[in-house]
Amino acid sequence: MLRTLLLSSVLPFLLSSIFSCNSERLQQSDKLKQQMADMRIKRVTDADLSEAVNSWGEQIVAIAEKEAATKLASLKDKNVTKEAACDIRNLPKTQAVARRYGMTISLLTAADVQNLTLAKKEREVLDAYAYNAENNQPQTSNIQRVGDTLFVYNNAVPANSAFCQQCFGDQKTPLAVWRLAFPKREVIRHFNAKKL
Protein backbone atom coordinates (compact mmCIF):
# COMPACT_ATOMS: atom_id res chain seq x y z
CA MET A 1 0.00 0.00 0.00
CA LEU A 2 2.75 2.40 0.98
CA ARG A 3 4.70 1.42 -2.12
CA THR A 4 1.65 2.09 -4.35
CA LEU A 5 1.03 5.43 -2.63
CA LEU A 6 4.67 6.40 -3.03
CA LEU A 7 4.70 5.44 -6.72
CA SER A 8 1.46 7.27 -7.45
CA SER A 9 2.78 10.50 -5.91
CA VAL A 10 6.28 10.30 -7.42
CA LEU A 11 5.37 9.04 -10.89
CA PRO A 12 3.63 12.25 -12.11
CA PHE A 13 6.58 14.30 -10.86
CA LEU A 14 9.08 12.11 -12.70
CA LEU A 15 7.06 12.17 -15.92
CA SER A 16 6.67 15.96 -15.83
CA SER A 17 10.39 16.33 -15.14
CA ILE A 18 11.29 14.15 -18.10
CA PHE A 19 8.95 15.98 -20.48
CA SER A 20 9.97 19.43 -19.27
CA CYS A 21 13.64 18.58 -19.70
CA ASN A 22 12.94 17.34 -23.19
CA SER A 23 11.05 20.53 -24.04
CA GLU A 24 13.86 22.68 -22.66
CA ARG A 25 16.39 20.66 -24.62
CA LEU A 26 14.43 21.25 -27.83
CA GLN A 27 14.38 24.99 -27.18
CA GLN A 28 18.12 24.97 -26.55
CA SER A 29 18.61 22.92 -29.70
CA ASP A 30 16.71 25.53 -31.77
CA LYS A 31 18.80 28.34 -30.28
CA LEU A 32 21.98 26.42 -31.02
CA LYS A 33 20.89 25.83 -34.63
CA GLN A 34 20.22 29.56 -35.03
CA GLN A 35 23.61 30.46 -33.55
CA MET A 36 25.36 28.03 -35.87
CA ALA A 37 23.48 29.43 -38.87
CA ASP A 38 24.46 32.96 -37.81
CA MET A 39 28.11 31.96 -37.61
CA ARG A 40 28.21 30.49 -41.12
CA ILE A 41 30.55 32.35 -43.38
CA LYS A 42 28.63 34.48 -45.85
CA ARG A 43 30.14 36.35 -48.75
CA VAL A 44 28.30 39.65 -48.69
CA THR A 45 29.41 42.87 -50.37
CA ASP A 46 28.56 46.40 -49.27
CA ALA A 47 26.28 46.67 -52.30
CA ASP A 48 24.41 43.53 -51.15
CA LEU A 49 24.00 45.01 -47.68
CA SER A 50 22.76 48.34 -49.03
CA GLU A 51 20.29 46.56 -51.31
CA ALA A 52 18.97 44.51 -48.38
CA VAL A 53 18.63 47.59 -46.14
CA ASN A 54 16.85 49.47 -48.93
CA SER A 55 14.42 46.62 -49.56
CA TRP A 56 13.69 46.06 -45.86
CA GLY A 57 13.42 49.80 -45.26
CA GLU A 58 10.81 50.24 -48.00
CA GLN A 59 8.78 47.32 -46.66
CA ILE A 60 8.98 48.42 -43.01
CA VAL A 61 8.07 52.03 -43.83
CA ALA A 62 5.07 50.80 -45.85
CA ILE A 63 3.94 48.69 -42.87
CA ALA A 64 4.46 51.59 -40.44
CA GLU A 65 2.59 54.13 -42.59
CA LYS A 66 -0.33 51.78 -43.18
CA GLU A 67 -0.55 50.92 -39.48
CA ALA A 68 -0.30 54.60 -38.47
CA ALA A 69 -3.05 55.61 -40.92
CA THR A 70 -5.32 52.80 -39.70
CA LYS A 71 -4.68 53.77 -36.10
CA LEU A 72 -5.43 57.44 -36.74
CA ALA A 73 -8.65 56.55 -38.56
CA SER A 74 -9.80 54.30 -35.71
CA LEU A 75 -9.03 56.98 -33.09
CA LYS A 76 -10.68 59.83 -35.00
CA ASP A 77 -13.91 59.77 -33.00
CA LYS A 78 -12.31 58.82 -29.67
CA ASN A 79 -10.96 61.27 -27.14
CA VAL A 80 -7.25 60.49 -27.60
CA THR A 81 -4.45 63.03 -27.30
CA LYS A 82 -2.42 63.92 -30.36
CA GLU A 83 0.77 62.72 -28.64
CA ALA A 84 -0.71 59.27 -27.97
CA ALA A 85 -2.20 59.00 -31.45
CA CYS A 86 1.09 59.94 -33.13
CA ASP A 87 3.45 57.92 -30.92
CA ILE A 88 4.99 55.19 -33.08
CA ARG A 89 5.69 53.10 -29.98
CA ASN A 90 1.95 52.39 -30.07
CA LEU A 91 2.24 50.61 -33.44
CA PRO A 92 2.52 46.92 -32.46
CA LYS A 93 3.16 45.46 -35.95
CA THR A 94 5.86 48.02 -36.67
CA GLN A 95 7.53 47.42 -33.31
CA ALA A 96 7.39 43.64 -33.85
CA VAL A 97 9.13 44.00 -37.22
CA ALA A 98 11.75 46.26 -35.62
CA ARG A 99 12.45 43.64 -32.96
CA ARG A 100 12.61 40.88 -35.59
CA TYR A 101 15.30 42.71 -37.55
CA GLY A 102 17.12 43.95 -34.43
CA MET A 103 16.75 47.56 -35.52
CA THR A 104 15.32 50.77 -34.12
CA ILE A 105 12.69 52.93 -35.77
CA SER A 106 11.93 56.56 -35.06
CA LEU A 107 10.48 59.68 -36.64
CA LEU A 108 12.59 62.78 -37.11
CA THR A 109 11.43 66.34 -37.78
CA ALA A 110 13.17 69.47 -39.06
CA ALA A 111 14.09 70.31 -35.44
CA ASP A 112 16.31 67.21 -35.34
CA VAL A 113 18.79 68.93 -37.69
CA GLN A 114 20.19 70.32 -34.41
CA ASN A 115 20.09 66.94 -32.62
CA LEU A 116 23.72 66.23 -31.72
CA THR A 117 22.98 62.59 -30.87
CA LEU A 118 22.62 61.98 -34.61
CA ALA A 119 25.75 61.57 -36.73
CA LYS A 120 26.82 64.66 -38.70
CA LYS A 121 25.99 62.96 -42.01
CA GLU A 122 22.47 62.11 -40.73
CA ARG A 123 21.87 65.75 -39.75
CA GLU A 124 23.03 66.88 -43.20
CA VAL A 125 20.63 64.46 -44.91
CA LEU A 126 17.81 65.62 -42.64
CA ASP A 127 18.63 69.22 -43.53
CA ALA A 128 18.30 68.27 -47.22
CA TYR A 129 14.88 66.72 -46.49
CA ALA A 130 13.84 69.97 -44.76
CA TYR A 131 15.07 72.02 -47.72
CA ASN A 132 13.12 69.84 -50.16
CA ALA A 133 9.98 70.14 -48.02
CA GLU A 134 10.26 73.94 -47.86
CA ASN A 135 10.70 74.16 -51.64
CA ASN A 136 8.09 71.53 -52.53
CA GLN A 137 10.75 69.27 -54.05
CA PRO A 138 10.25 65.49 -54.32
CA GLN A 139 11.61 63.41 -51.45
CA THR A 140 13.49 60.16 -52.01
CA SER A 141 14.69 57.47 -49.65
CA ASN A 142 18.28 57.49 -48.48
CA ILE A 143 20.73 55.03 -46.95
CA GLN A 144 23.77 56.12 -44.98
CA ARG A 145 26.49 54.05 -43.48
CA VAL A 146 27.35 55.40 -40.05
CA GLY A 147 30.77 54.20 -39.03
CA ASP A 148 31.46 50.55 -39.60
CA THR A 149 28.56 49.14 -37.65
CA LEU A 150 25.33 50.87 -38.65
CA PHE A 151 23.15 51.43 -41.72
CA VAL A 152 20.49 54.15 -41.50
CA TYR A 153 17.54 54.15 -43.89
CA ASN A 154 15.56 57.41 -44.17
CA ASN A 155 12.32 58.09 -46.00
CA ALA A 156 10.06 61.11 -45.69
CA VAL A 157 6.43 60.67 -44.71
CA PRO A 158 4.35 62.03 -47.63
CA ALA A 159 3.37 65.61 -46.69
CA ASN A 160 -0.18 65.10 -47.97
CA SER A 161 -0.79 61.93 -45.92
CA ALA A 162 -3.27 62.03 -43.04
CA PHE A 163 -0.51 60.91 -40.67
CA CYS A 164 1.77 63.83 -41.59
CA GLN A 165 -1.09 66.36 -41.60
CA GLN A 166 -2.49 65.28 -38.24
CA CYS A 167 0.78 64.64 -36.41
CA PHE A 168 3.13 67.20 -37.99
CA GLY A 169 0.79 69.69 -39.69
CA ASP A 170 1.31 72.35 -37.02
CA GLN A 171 4.98 72.81 -38.03
CA LYS A 172 5.99 75.73 -40.24
CA THR A 173 6.85 73.16 -42.91
CA PRO A 174 5.25 69.78 -42.16
CA LEU A 175 8.07 67.26 -42.24
CA ALA A 176 8.50 63.82 -40.74
CA VAL A 177 11.26 61.44 -41.77
CA TRP A 178 11.39 57.76 -40.88
CA ARG A 179 14.75 56.73 -39.43
CA LEU A 180 15.44 53.01 -39.45
CA ALA A 181 18.78 52.12 -37.85
CA PHE A 182 20.02 48.65 -38.82
CA PRO A 183 23.10 47.31 -37.01
CA LYS A 184 25.40 45.80 -39.64
CA ARG A 185 25.65 42.57 -37.69
CA GLU A 186 21.86 42.12 -37.79
CA VAL A 187 21.75 42.88 -41.52
CA ILE A 188 24.34 40.18 -42.17
CA ARG A 189 22.56 37.78 -39.81
CA HIS A 190 19.24 38.17 -41.66
CA PHE A 191 20.79 38.30 -45.10
CA ASN A 192 19.70 35.42 -47.31
CA ALA A 193 22.96 34.02 -48.61
CA LYS A 194 21.10 31.65 -50.95
CA LYS A 195 20.49 34.56 -53.32
CA LEU A 196 24.22 34.89 -54.07
Foldseek 3Di string as FASTA:
>chain_A
DVVVVVCVVVVVVVVVVVVVVVVVVVVVVVVVVLVVLLPDDFDADPVNLVVLCVVVVVVLVVLLLVQLQVLCVVCVPPPDDLCVSLDSVPRVVSVVVCVVLVKDKDKDDLVCLPVPVDDPVVSVVSPVQVVCQVVVHDWDWDWDDDPPWKIKIKGKDPCPDPSQCSNQVVDPRRTMMMIIIGTPSSSSSPRDRVVD
